[in-house]
Amino acid sequence: MIYAYHRASGEIVARVFGKRNTNTVKELGCKIKALGLKWGGLLTDNWKRFKQVFNDTNHLMSKASTKGIEGNNCRLRHRIRRAFRRTCCFSKKMENHIKAFELAFYYINYGHI
């Protein structure tokens, strides 16, 4: 899962479930463009897939500038910790995992967490 996070509002604006490859990052870029979002800069870690897809934007690659999304990652781990367990105790269906993430994103975006 890769997602886009709006730093000022704390909202998760787009998300993509898939493998960790260029196609998944391209799909995320298409979702952001389809929403009509404009950004002044893009903050990511130093992963070469982000460099390839978002090479035409104001792209800042730094671990120091991604602490907001790391906070969201921590919140997601606490919110749906059963999805991050090593044992198969939650569900074997990928749809159930995706629905759990979508529910957590809803709560994050609308201030219920």
PDB file of N, CA and C in Angstrom:
ATOM      1  N   MET A   1       0.834  -1.163   0.000  1.00  0.00           N
ATOM      2  CA  MET A   1       0.000   0.000   0.000  1.00  0.00           C
ATOM      3  C   MET A   1       0.886   1.236   0.000  1.00  0.00           C
ATOM      4  N   ILE A   2       0.549   2.156  -0.879  1.00  0.00           N
ATOM      5  CA  ILE A   2       1.213   3.457  -0.934  1.00  0.00           C
ATOM      6  C   ILE A   2       0.105   4.493  -0.875  1.00  0.00           C
ATOM      7  N   TYR A   3       0.317   5.551  -0.090  1.00  0.00           N
ATOM      8  CA  TYR A   3      -0.714   6.574  -0.005  1.00  0.00           C
ATOM      9  C   TYR A   3      -0.122   7.964   0.016  1.00  0.00           C
ATOM     10  N   ALA A   4      -0.961   8.925  -0.367  1.00  0.00           N
ATOM     11  CA  ALA A   4      -0.565  10.335  -0.385  1.00  0.00           C
ATOM     12  C   ALA A   4      -1.222  11.013   0.804  1.00  0.00           C
ATOM     13  N   TYR A   5      -0.439  11.812   1.493  1.00  0.00           N
ATOM     14  CA  TYR A   5      -0.847  12.450   2.747  1.00  0.00           C
ATOM     15  C   TYR A   5      -0.705  13.955   2.583  1.00  0.00           C
ATOM     16  N   HIS A   6      -1.762  14.697   2.905  1.00  0.00           N
ATOM     17  CA  HIS A   6      -1.701  16.155   2.872  1.00  0.00           C
ATOM     18  C   HIS A   6      -1.160  16.632   4.207  1.00  0.00           C
ATOM     19  N   ARG A   7      -0.005  17.264   4.157  1.00  0.00           N
ATOM     20  CA  ARG A   7       0.715  17.601   5.380  1.00  0.00           C
ATOM     21  C   ARG A   7      -0.029  18.607   6.256  1.00  0.00           C
ATOM     22  N   ALA A   8      -0.650  19.614   5.658  1.00  0.00           N
ATOM     23  CA  ALA A   8      -1.307  20.666   6.443  1.00  0.00           C
ATOM     24  C   ALA A   8      -2.592  20.178   7.108  1.00  0.00           C
ATOM     25  N   SER A   9      -3.403  19.428   6.379  1.00  0.00           N
ATOM     26  CA  SER A   9      -4.701  19.010   6.920  1.00  0.00           C
ATOM     27  C   SER A   9      -4.644  17.660   7.631  1.00  0.00           C
ATOM     28  N   GLY A  10      -3.622  16.854   7.350  1.00  0.00           N
ATOM     29  CA  GLY A  10      -3.530  15.523   7.945  1.00  0.00           C
ATOM     30  C   GLY A  10      -4.389  14.497   7.236  1.00  0.00           C
ATOM     31  N   GLU A  11      -4.970  14.854   6.108  1.00  0.00           N
ATOM     32  CA  GLU A  11      -5.873  13.975   5.376  1.00  0.00           C
ATOM     33  C   GLU A  11      -5.099  13.045   4.444  1.00  0.00           C
ATOM     34  N   ILE A  12      -5.560  11.834   4.333  1.00  0.00           N
ATOM     35  CA  ILE A  12      -5.022  10.888   3.357  1.00  0.00           C
ATOM     36  C   ILE A  12      -5.858  11.055   2.099  1.00  0.00           C
ATOM     37  N   VAL A  13      -5.249  11.591   1.036  1.00  0.00           N
ATOM     38  CA  VAL A  13      -6.011  11.997  -0.130  1.00  0.00           C
ATOM     39  C   VAL A  13      -6.120  10.912  -1.191  1.00  0.00           C
ATOM     40  N   ALA A  14      -5.131  10.045  -1.301  1.00  0.00           N
ATOM     41  CA  ALA A  14      -5.190   8.976  -2.300  1.00  0.00           C
ATOM     42  C   ALA A  14      -4.427   7.771  -1.769  1.00  0.00           C
ATOM     43  N   ARG A  15      -4.852   6.595  -2.204  1.00  0.00           N
ATOM     44  CA  ARG A  15      -4.181   5.372  -1.769  1.00  0.00           C
ATOM     45  C   ARG A  15      -4.266   4.327  -2.873  1.00  0.00           C
ATOM     46  N   VAL A  16      -3.247   3.474  -2.898  1.00  0.00           N
ATOM     47  CA  VAL A  16      -3.170   2.415  -3.897  1.00  0.00           C
ATOM     48  C   VAL A  16      -2.673   1.154  -3.203  1.00  0.00           C
ATOM     49  N   PHE A  17      -3.321   0.056  -3.462  1.00  0.00           N
ATOM     50  CA  PHE A  17      -2.873  -1.242  -2.975  1.00  0.00           C
ATOM     51  C   PHE A  17      -2.235  -1.976  -4.138  1.00  0.00           C
ATOM     52  N   GLY A  18      -1.053  -2.484  -3.929  1.00  0.00           N
ATOM     53  CA  GLY A  18      -0.373  -3.214  -4.993  1.00  0.00           C
ATOM     54  C   GLY A  18       1.040  -3.565  -4.591  1.00  0.00           C
ATOM     55  N   LYS A  19       1.774  -4.084  -5.552  1.00  0.00           N
ATOM     56  CA  LYS A  19       3.163  -4.443  -5.307  1.00  0.00           C
ATOM     57  C   LYS A  19       4.014  -3.187  -5.234  1.00  0.00           C
ATOM     58  N   ARG A  20       5.171  -3.321  -4.680  1.00  0.00           N
ATOM     59  CA  ARG A  20       6.089  -2.190  -4.526  1.00  0.00           C
ATOM     60  C   ARG A  20       6.894  -2.030  -5.822  1.00  0.00           C
ATOM     61  N   ASN A  21       6.246  -1.476  -6.853  1.00  0.00           N
ATOM     62  CA  ASN A  21       6.904  -1.297  -8.137  1.00  0.00           C
ATOM     63  C   ASN A  21       6.460   0.005  -8.793  1.00  0.00           C
ATOM     64  N   THR A  22       6.972   0.254  -9.983  1.00  0.00           N
ATOM     65  CA  THR A  22       6.706   1.503 -10.688  1.00  0.00           C
ATOM     66  C   THR A  22       5.230   1.638 -11.059  1.00  0.00           C
ATOM     67  N   ASN A  23       4.575   0.555 -11.436  1.00  0.00           N
ATOM     68  CA  ASN A  23       3.167   0.623 -11.840  1.00  0.00           C
ATOM     69  C   ASN A  23       2.271   1.095 -10.700  1.00  0.00           C
ATOM     70  N   THR A  24       2.557   0.670  -9.490  1.00  0.00           N
ATOM     71  CA  THR A  24       1.769   1.092  -8.338  1.00  0.00           C
ATOM     72  C   THR A  24       1.961   2.581  -8.080  1.00  0.00           C
ATOM     73  N   VAL A  25       3.190   3.064  -8.206  1.00  0.00           N
ATOM     74  CA  VAL A  25       3.452   4.491  -8.007  1.00  0.00           C
ATOM     75  C   VAL A  25       2.789   5.309  -9.110  1.00  0.00           C
ATOM     76  N   LYS A  26       2.812   4.801 -10.347  1.00  0.00           N
ATOM     77  CA  LYS A  26       2.124   5.494 -11.449  1.00  0.00           C
ATOM     78  C   LYS A  26       0.629   5.570 -11.198  1.00  0.00           C
ATOM     79  N   GLU A  27       0.072   4.499 -10.675  1.00  0.00           N
ATOM     80  CA  GLU A  27      -1.361   4.484 -10.358  1.00  0.00           C
ATOM     81  C   GLU A  27      -1.699   5.518  -9.288  1.00  0.00           C
ATOM     82  N   LEU A  28      -0.825   5.660  -8.289  1.00  0.00           N
ATOM     83  CA  LEU A  28      -1.020   6.688  -7.273  1.00  0.00           C
ATOM     84  C   LEU A  28      -0.948   8.080  -7.895  1.00  0.00           C
ATOM     85  N   GLY A  29       0.010   8.303  -8.781  1.00  0.00           N
ATOM     86  CA  GLY A  29       0.118   9.591  -9.470  1.00  0.00           C
ATOM     87  C   GLY A  29      -1.122   9.908 -10.292  1.00  0.00           C
ATOM     88  N   CYS A  30      -1.675   8.908 -10.951  1.00  0.00           N
ATOM     89  CA  CYS A  30      -2.903   9.107 -11.738  1.00  0.00           C
ATOM     90  C   CYS A  30      -4.080   9.450 -10.843  1.00  0.00           C
ATOM     91  N   LYS A  31      -4.174   8.810  -9.684  1.00  0.00           N
ATOM     92  CA  LYS A  31      -5.269   9.120  -8.751  1.00  0.00           C
ATOM     93  C   LYS A  31      -5.162  10.549  -8.238  1.00  0.00           C
ATOM     94  N   ILE A  32      -3.943  10.994  -7.954  1.00  0.00           N
ATOM     95  CA  ILE A  32      -3.758  12.363  -7.472  1.00  0.00           C
ATOM     96  C   ILE A  32      -4.123  13.361  -8.563  1.00  0.00           C
ATOM     97  N   LYS A  33      -3.707  13.087  -9.796  1.00  0.00           N
ATOM     98  CA  LYS A  33      -4.035  13.992 -10.904  1.00  0.00           C
ATOM     99  C   LYS A  33      -5.527  13.982 -11.203  1.00  0.00           C
ATOM    100  N   ALA A  34      -6.174  12.821 -11.064  1.00  0.00           N
ATOM    101  CA  ALA A  34      -7.617  12.728 -11.308  1.00  0.00           C
ATOM    102  C   ALA A  34      -8.413  13.544 -10.292  1.00  0.00           C
ATOM    103  N   LEU A  35      -7.874  13.673  -9.079  1.00  0.00           N
ATOM    104  CA  LEU A  35      -8.546  14.485  -8.065  1.00  0.00           C
ATOM    105  C   LEU A  35      -8.376  15.980  -8.321  1.00  0.00           C
ATOM    106  N   GLY A  36      -7.459  16.317  -9.210  1.00  0.00           N
ATOM    107  CA  GLY A  36      -7.222  17.716  -9.524  1.00  0.00           C
ATOM    108  C   GLY A  36      -6.412  18.443  -8.471  1.00  0.00           C
ATOM    109  N   LEU A  37      -5.641  17.707  -7.714  1.00  0.00           N
ATOM    110  CA  LEU A  37      -4.839  18.309  -6.655  1.00  0.00           C
ATOM    111  C   LEU A  37      -3.589  18.940  -7.241  1.00  0.00           C
ATOM    112  N   LYS A  38      -3.265  20.096  -6.763  1.00  0.00           N
ATOM    113  CA  LYS A  38      -2.027  20.775  -7.129  1.00  0.00           C
ATOM    114  C   LYS A  38      -1.149  20.842  -5.896  1.00  0.00           C
ATOM    115  N   TRP A  39       0.121  20.658  -6.047  1.00  0.00           N
ATOM    116  CA  TRP A  39       1.009  20.718  -4.904  1.00  0.00           C
ATOM    117  C   TRP A  39       2.211  21.577  -5.226  1.00  0.00           C
ATOM    118  N   GLY A  40       2.713  22.202  -4.193  1.00  0.00           N
ATOM    119  CA  GLY A  40       3.906  23.014  -4.337  1.00  0.00           C
ATOM    120  C   GLY A  40       5.153  22.169  -4.292  1.00  0.00           C
ATOM    121  N   GLY A  41       5.089  21.062  -3.598  1.00  0.00           N
ATOM    122  CA  GLY A  41       6.230  20.172  -3.501  1.00  0.00           C
ATOM    123  C   GLY A  41       5.797  18.799  -3.067  1.00  0.00           C
ATOM    124  N   LEU A  42       6.591  17.845  -3.391  1.00  0.00           N
ATOM    125  CA  LEU A  42       6.321  16.457  -3.057  1.00  0.00           C
ATOM    126  C   LEU A  42       7.448  15.978  -2.153  1.00  0.00           C
ATOM    127  N   LEU A  43       7.106  15.479  -0.995  1.00  0.00           N
ATOM    128  CA  LEU A  43       8.098  15.006  -0.031  1.00  0.00           C
ATOM    129  C   LEU A  43       8.040  13.485   0.034  1.00  0.00           C
ATOM    130  N   THR A  44       9.122  12.830  -0.306  1.00  0.00           N
ATOM    131  CA  THR A  44       9.179  11.375  -0.268  1.00  0.00           C
ATOM    132  C   THR A  44      10.523  10.942   0.294  1.00  0.00           C
ATOM    133  N   ASP A  45      10.614   9.645   0.563  1.00  0.00           N
ATOM    134  CA  ASP A  45      11.923   9.116   0.911  1.00  0.00           C
ATOM    135  C   ASP A  45      12.700   8.868  -0.387  1.00  0.00           C
ATOM    136  N   ASN A  46      13.902   8.414  -0.268  1.00  0.00           N
ATOM    137  CA  ASN A  46      14.786   8.283  -1.420  1.00  0.00           C
ATOM    138  C   ASN A  46      14.588   6.920  -2.089  1.00  0.00           C
ATOM    139  N   TRP A  47      13.412   6.698  -2.636  1.00  0.00           N
ATOM    140  CA  TRP A  47      13.100   5.459  -3.339  1.00  0.00           C
ATOM    141  C   TRP A  47      13.087   5.761  -4.824  1.00  0.00           C
ATOM    142  N   LYS A  48      13.788   4.974  -5.625  1.00  0.00           N
ATOM    143  CA  LYS A  48      13.976   5.313  -7.034  1.00  0.00           C
ATOM    144  C   LYS A  48      12.676   5.305  -7.844  1.00  0.00           C
ATOM    145  N   ARG A  49      11.688   4.579  -7.414  1.00  0.00           N
ATOM    146  CA  ARG A  49      10.402   4.569  -8.138  1.00  0.00           C
ATOM    147  C   ARG A  49       9.728   5.938  -8.084  1.00  0.00           C
ATOM    148  N   PHE A  50       9.795   6.598  -6.924  1.00  0.00           N
ATOM    149  CA  PHE A  50       9.237   7.945  -6.812  1.00  0.00           C
ATOM    150  C   PHE A  50       9.989   8.911  -7.715  1.00  0.00           C
ATOM    151  N   LYS A  51      11.305   8.752  -7.816  1.00  0.00           N
ATOM    152  CA  LYS A  51      12.101   9.610  -8.697  1.00  0.00           C
ATOM    153  C   LYS A  51      11.675   9.443 -10.141  1.00  0.00           C
ATOM    154  N   GLN A  52      11.411   8.209 -10.558  1.00  0.00           N
ATOM    155  CA  GLN A  52      11.032   7.939 -11.940  1.00  0.00           C
ATOM    156  C   GLN A  52       9.666   8.520 -12.283  1.00  0.00           C
ATOM    157  N   VAL A  53       8.701   8.353 -11.424  1.00  0.00           N
ATOM    158  CA  VAL A  53       7.324   8.747 -11.730  1.00  0.00           C
ATOM    159  C   VAL A  53       7.111  10.245 -11.541  1.00  0.00           C
ATOM    160  N   PHE A  54       7.637  10.813 -10.462  1.00  0.00           N
ATOM    161  CA  PHE A  54       7.402  12.210 -10.142  1.00  0.00           C
ATOM    162  C   PHE A  54       8.617  13.085 -10.471  1.00  0.00           C
ATOM    163  N   ASN A  55       9.267  12.826 -11.582  1.00  0.00           N
ATOM    164  CA  ASN A  55      10.467  13.580 -11.919  1.00  0.00           C
ATOM    165  C   ASN A  55      10.184  14.996 -12.398  1.00  0.00           C
ATOM    166  N   ASP A  56       8.970  15.300 -12.815  1.00  0.00           N
ATOM    167  CA  ASP A  56       8.647  16.634 -13.321  1.00  0.00           C
ATOM    168  C   ASP A  56       8.085  17.572 -12.247  1.00  0.00           C
ATOM    169  N   THR A  57       7.987  17.134 -11.019  1.00  0.00           N
ATOM    170  CA  THR A  57       7.452  17.963  -9.942  1.00  0.00           C
ATOM    171  C   THR A  57       8.579  18.475  -9.057  1.00  0.00           C
ATOM    172  N   ASN A  58       8.243  19.410  -8.191  1.00  0.00           N
ATOM    173  CA  ASN A  58       9.185  19.895  -7.191  1.00  0.00           C
ATOM    174  C   ASN A  58       9.302  18.807  -6.135  1.00  0.00           C
ATOM    175  N   HIS A  59      10.305  17.988  -6.260  1.00  0.00           N
ATOM    176  CA  HIS A  59      10.414  16.751  -5.484  1.00  0.00           C
ATOM    177  C   HIS A  59      11.562  16.874  -4.497  1.00  0.00           C
ATOM    178  N   LEU A  60      11.252  16.800  -3.214  1.00  0.00           N
ATOM    179  CA  LEU A  60      12.257  16.831  -2.160  1.00  0.00           C
ATOM    180  C   LEU A  60      12.319  15.453  -1.526  1.00  0.00           C
ATOM    181  N   MET A  61      13.499  14.852  -1.562  1.00  0.00           N
ATOM    182  CA  MET A  61      13.669  13.524  -1.000  1.00  0.00           C
ATOM    183  C   MET A  61      14.468  13.629   0.288  1.00  0.00           C
ATOM    184  N   SER A  62      13.801  13.322   1.398  1.00  0.00           N
ATOM    185  CA  SER A  62      14.457  13.424   2.686  1.00  0.00           C
ATOM    186  C   SER A  62      13.658  12.654   3.710  1.00  0.00           C
ATOM    187  N   LYS A  63      14.336  11.934   4.558  1.00  0.00           N
ATOM    188  CA  LYS A  63      13.649  11.249   5.656  1.00  0.00           C
ATOM    189  C   LYS A  63      13.168  12.247   6.702  1.00  0.00           C
ATOM    190  N   ALA A  64      13.883  13.348   6.863  1.00  0.00           N
ATOM    191  CA  ALA A  64      13.515  14.342   7.878  1.00  0.00           C
ATOM    192  C   ALA A  64      12.180  15.012   7.559  1.00  0.00           C
ATOM    193  N   SER A  65      11.850  15.142   6.283  1.00  0.00           N
ATOM    194  CA  SER A  65      10.625  15.840   5.917  1.00  0.00           C
ATOM    195  C   SER A  65       9.414  14.918   5.818  1.00  0.00           C
ATOM    196  N   THR A  66       9.581  13.645   6.097  1.00  0.00           N
ATOM    197  CA  THR A  66       8.457  12.704   6.006  1.00  0.00           C
ATOM    198  C   THR A  66       7.962  12.258   7.376  1.00  0.00           C
ATOM    199  N   LYS A  67       8.220  13.056   8.421  1.00  0.00           N
ATOM    200  CA  LYS A  67       7.821  12.613   9.762  1.00  0.00           C
ATOM    201  C   LYS A  67       6.310  12.623   9.955  1.00  0.00           C
ATOM    202  N   GLY A  68       5.578  13.456   9.224  1.00  0.00           N
ATOM    203  CA  GLY A  68       4.116  13.457   9.332  1.00  0.00           C
ATOM    204  C   GLY A  68       3.511  12.151   8.866  1.00  0.00           C
ATOM    205  N   ILE A  69       3.999  11.650   7.750  1.00  0.00           N
ATOM    206  CA  ILE A  69       3.466  10.389   7.230  1.00  0.00           C
ATOM    207  C   ILE A  69       3.919   9.219   8.102  1.00  0.00           C
ATOM    208  N   GLU A  70       5.086   9.347   8.738  1.00  0.00           N
ATOM    209  CA  GLU A  70       5.518   8.306   9.678  1.00  0.00           C
ATOM    210  C   GLU A  70       4.579   8.265  10.886  1.00  0.00           C
ATOM    211  N   GLY A  71       4.082   9.420  11.303  1.00  0.00           N
ATOM    212  CA  GLY A  71       3.088   9.451  12.371  1.00  0.00           C
ATOM    213  C   GLY A  71       1.806   8.757  11.960  1.00  0.00           C
ATOM    214  N   ASN A  72       1.392   8.961  10.702  1.00  0.00           N
ATOM    215  CA  ASN A  72       0.216   8.260  10.193  1.00  0.00           C
ATOM    216  C   ASN A  72       0.460   6.759  10.121  1.00  0.00           C
ATOM    217  N   ASN A  73       1.658   6.365   9.712  1.00  0.00           N
ATOM    218  CA  ASN A  73       1.971   4.934   9.673  1.00  0.00           C
ATOM    219  C   ASN A  73       1.869   4.316  11.058  1.00  0.00           C
ATOM    220  N   CYS A  74       2.352   5.031  12.053  1.00  0.00           N
ATOM    221  CA  CYS A  74       2.256   4.549  13.432  1.00  0.00           C
ATOM    222  C   CYS A  74       0.793   4.444  13.864  1.00  0.00           C
ATOM    223  N   ARG A  75       0.015   5.455  13.514  1.00  0.00           N
ATOM    224  CA  ARG A  75      -1.412   5.451  13.848  1.00  0.00           C
ATOM    225  C   ARG A  75      -2.118   4.276  13.175  1.00  0.00           C
ATOM    226  N   LEU A  76      -1.764   3.996  11.927  1.00  0.00           N
ATOM    227  CA  LEU A  76      -2.363   2.855  11.237  1.00  0.00           C
ATOM    228  C   LEU A  76      -1.969   1.541  11.897  1.00  0.00           C
ATOM    229  N   ARG A  77      -0.711   1.428  12.291  1.00  0.00           N
ATOM    230  CA  ARG A  77      -0.285   0.192  12.964  1.00  0.00           C
ATOM    231  C   ARG A  77      -1.053  -0.028  14.254  1.00  0.00           C
ATOM    232  N   HIS A  78      -1.322   1.041  14.976  1.00  0.00           N
ATOM    233  CA  HIS A  78      -2.074   0.896  16.221  1.00  0.00           C
ATOM    234  C   HIS A  78      -3.555   0.664  15.951  1.00  0.00           C
ATOM    235  N   ARG A  79      -4.088   1.313  14.942  1.00  0.00           N
ATOM    236  CA  ARG A  79      -5.514   1.212  14.647  1.00  0.00           C
ATOM    237  C   ARG A  79      -5.900  -0.175  14.142  1.00  0.00           C
ATOM    238  N   ILE A  80      -5.111  -0.694  13.251  1.00  0.00           N
ATOM    239  CA  ILE A  80      -5.432  -2.002  12.675  1.00  0.00           C
ATOM    240  C   ILE A  80      -4.247  -2.947  12.862  1.00  0.00           C
ATOM    241  N   ARG A  81      -3.845  -3.103  14.084  1.00  0.00           N
ATOM    242  CA  ARG A  81      -2.665  -3.905  14.385  1.00  0.00           C
ATOM    243  C   ARG A  81      -2.814  -5.357  13.961  1.00  0.00           C
ATOM    244  N   ARG A  82      -4.009  -5.836  13.862  1.00  0.00           N
ATOM    245  CA  ARG A  82      -4.189  -7.229  13.458  1.00  0.00           C
ATOM    246  C   ARG A  82      -3.756  -7.453  12.013  1.00  0.00           C
ATOM    247  N   ALA A  83      -3.752  -6.389  11.190  1.00  0.00           N
ATOM    248  CA  ALA A  83      -3.294  -6.540   9.812  1.00  0.00           C
ATOM    249  C   ALA A  83      -1.783  -6.659   9.739  1.00  0.00           C
ATOM    250  N   PHE A  84      -1.084  -6.282  10.799  1.00  0.00           N
ATOM    251  CA  PHE A  84       0.370  -6.295  10.799  1.00  0.00           C
ATOM    252  C   PHE A  84       0.950  -7.465  11.596  1.00  0.00           C
ATOM    253  N   ARG A  85       0.110  -8.334  12.105  1.00  0.00           N
ATOM    254  CA  ARG A  85       0.610  -9.498  12.834  1.00  0.00           C
ATOM    255  C   ARG A  85       1.233 -10.485  11.869  1.00  0.00           C
ATOM    256  N   ARG A  86       2.156 -11.239  12.368  1.00  0.00           N
ATOM    257  CA  ARG A  86       2.844 -12.220  11.524  1.00  0.00           C
ATOM    258  C   ARG A  86       2.025 -13.496  11.343  1.00  0.00           C
ATOM    259  N   THR A  87       1.135 -13.767  12.246  1.00  0.00           N
ATOM    260  CA  THR A  87       0.319 -14.980  12.127  1.00  0.00           C
ATOM    261  C   THR A  87      -0.931 -14.670  11.324  1.00  0.00           C
ATOM    262  N   CYS A  88      -1.542 -15.693  10.814  1.00  0.00           N
ATOM    263  CA  CYS A  88      -2.759 -15.522  10.009  1.00  0.00           C
ATOM    264  C   CYS A  88      -3.983 -15.593  10.909  1.00  0.00           C
ATOM    265  N   CYS A  89      -4.171 -14.596  11.743  1.00  0.00           N
ATOM    266  CA  CYS A  89      -5.305 -14.645  12.665  1.00  0.00           C
ATOM    267  C   CYS A  89      -6.395 -13.646  12.278  1.00  0.00           C
ATOM    268  N   PHE A  90      -6.187 -12.823  11.268  1.00  0.00           N
ATOM    269  CA  PHE A  90      -7.192 -11.832  10.906  1.00  0.00           C
ATOM    270  C   PHE A  90      -8.088 -12.376   9.804  1.00  0.00           C
ATOM    271  N   SER A  91      -7.572 -12.514   8.630  1.00  0.00           N
ATOM    272  CA  SER A  91      -8.361 -13.015   7.524  1.00  0.00           C
ATOM    273  C   SER A  91      -7.426 -13.447   6.405  1.00  0.00           C
ATOM    274  N   LYS A  92      -7.860 -14.379   5.629  1.00  0.00           N
ATOM    275  CA  LYS A  92      -7.076 -14.787   4.472  1.00  0.00           C
ATOM    276  C   LYS A  92      -7.516 -14.043   3.216  1.00  0.00           C
ATOM    277  N   LYS A  93      -8.605 -13.314   3.296  1.00  0.00           N
ATOM    278  CA  LYS A  93      -9.101 -12.574   2.136  1.00  0.00           C
ATOM    279  C   LYS A  93      -8.478 -11.190   2.086  1.00  0.00           C
ATOM    280  N   MET A  94      -7.924 -10.842   0.945  1.00  0.00           N
ATOM    281  CA  MET A  94      -7.318  -9.526   0.773  1.00  0.00           C
ATOM    282  C   MET A  94      -8.378  -8.425   0.868  1.00  0.00           C
ATOM    283  N   GLU A  95      -9.600  -8.715   0.458  1.00  0.00           N
ATOM    284  CA  GLU A  95     -10.671  -7.716   0.524  1.00  0.00           C
ATOM    285  C   GLU A  95     -10.918  -7.248   1.955  1.00  0.00           C
ATOM    286  N   ASN A  96     -10.830  -8.175   2.907  1.00  0.00           N
ATOM    287  CA  ASN A  96     -11.035  -7.809   4.311  1.00  0.00           C
ATOM    288  C   ASN A  96      -9.923  -6.904   4.820  1.00  0.00           C
ATOM    289  N   HIS A  97      -8.701  -7.147   4.384  1.00  0.00           N
ATOM    290  CA  HIS A  97      -7.591  -6.281   4.769  1.00  0.00           C
ATOM    291  C   HIS A  97      -7.772  -4.878   4.188  1.00  0.00           C
ATOM    292  N   ILE A  98      -8.165  -4.816   2.919  1.00  0.00           N
ATOM    293  CA  ILE A  98      -8.365  -3.521   2.268  1.00  0.00           C
ATOM    294  C   ILE A  98      -9.495  -2.754   2.945  1.00  0.00           C
ATOM    295  N   LYS A  99     -10.571  -3.419   3.289  1.00  0.00           N
ATOM    296  CA  LYS A  99     -11.678  -2.751   3.980  1.00  0.00           C
ATOM    297  C   LYS A  99     -11.253  -2.234   5.351  1.00  0.00           C
ATOM    298  N   ALA A 100     -10.395  -2.975   6.045  1.00  0.00           N
ATOM    299  CA  ALA A 100      -9.899  -2.512   7.343  1.00  0.00           C
ATOM    300  C   ALA A 100      -9.081  -1.237   7.182  1.00  0.00           C
ATOM    301  N   PHE A 101      -8.239  -1.188   6.154  1.00  0.00           N
ATOM    302  CA  PHE A 101      -7.479   0.025   5.885  1.00  0.00           C
ATOM    303  C   PHE A 101      -8.389   1.184   5.503  1.00  0.00           C
ATOM    304  N   GLU A 102      -9.378   0.929   4.661  1.00  0.00           N
ATOM    305  CA  GLU A 102     -10.289   1.999   4.247  1.00  0.00           C
ATOM    306  C   GLU A 102     -11.069   2.559   5.436  1.00  0.00           C
ATOM    307  N   LEU A 103     -11.460   1.710   6.342  1.00  0.00           N
ATOM    308  CA  LEU A 103     -12.152   2.171   7.543  1.00  0.00           C
ATOM    309  C   LEU A 103     -11.227   3.029   8.407  1.00  0.00           C
ATOM    310  N   ALA A 104      -9.980   2.607   8.547  1.00  0.00           N
ATOM    311  CA  ALA A 104      -9.011   3.400   9.315  1.00  0.00           C
ATOM    312  C   ALA A 104      -8.756   4.745   8.640  1.00  0.00           C
ATOM    313  N   PHE A 105      -8.665   4.768   7.305  1.00  0.00           N
ATOM    314  CA  PHE A 105      -8.469   6.034   6.584  1.00  0.00           C
ATOM    315  C   PHE A 105      -9.658   6.961   6.782  1.00  0.00           C
ATOM    316  N   TYR A 106     -10.856   6.393   6.792  1.00  0.00           N
ATOM    317  CA  TYR A 106     -12.049   7.215   7.033  1.00  0.00           C
ATOM    318  C   TYR A 106     -11.963   7.885   8.402  1.00  0.00           C
ATOM    319  N   TYR A 107     -11.604   7.112   9.421  1.00  0.00           N
ATOM    320  CA  TYR A 107     -11.507   7.669  10.763  1.00  0.00           C
ATOM    321  C   TYR A 107     -10.403   8.731  10.870  1.00  0.00           C
ATOM    322  N   ILE A 108      -9.279   8.513  10.179  1.00  0.00           N
ATOM    323  CA  ILE A 108      -8.204   9.505  10.194  1.00  0.00           C
ATOM    324  C   ILE A 108      -8.635  10.784   9.494  1.00  0.00           C
ATOM    325  N   ASN A 109      -9.260  10.655   8.326  1.00  0.00           N
ATOM    326  CA  ASN A 109      -9.630  11.836   7.533  1.00  0.00           C
ATOM    327  C   ASN A 109     -10.714  12.667   8.184  1.00  0.00           C
ATOM    328  N   TYR A 110     -11.600  12.052   8.924  1.00  0.00           N
ATOM    329  CA  TYR A 110     -12.718  12.790   9.504  1.00  0.00           C
ATOM    330  C   TYR A 110     -12.587  13.003  11.000  1.00  0.00           C
ATOM    331  N   GLY A 111     -11.375  12.853  11.522  1.00  0.00           N
ATOM    332  CA  GLY A 111     -11.068  13.243  12.872  1.00  0.00           C
ATOM    333  C   GLY A 111     -11.616  12.374  13.973  1.00  0.00           C
ATOM    334  N   HIS A 112     -11.840  11.122  13.720  1.00  0.00           N
ATOM    335  CA  HIS A 112     -12.364  10.231  14.752  1.00  0.00           C
ATOM    336  C   HIS A 112     -11.273   9.483  15.491  1.00  0.00           C
ATOM    337  N   ILE A 113     -10.023   9.702  15.097  1.00  0.00           N
ATOM    338  CA  ILE A 113      -8.916   9.007  15.783  1.00  0.00           C
ATOM    339  C   ILE A 113      -8.219   9.987  16.666  1.00  0.00           C
TER     340      ILE A 113
END
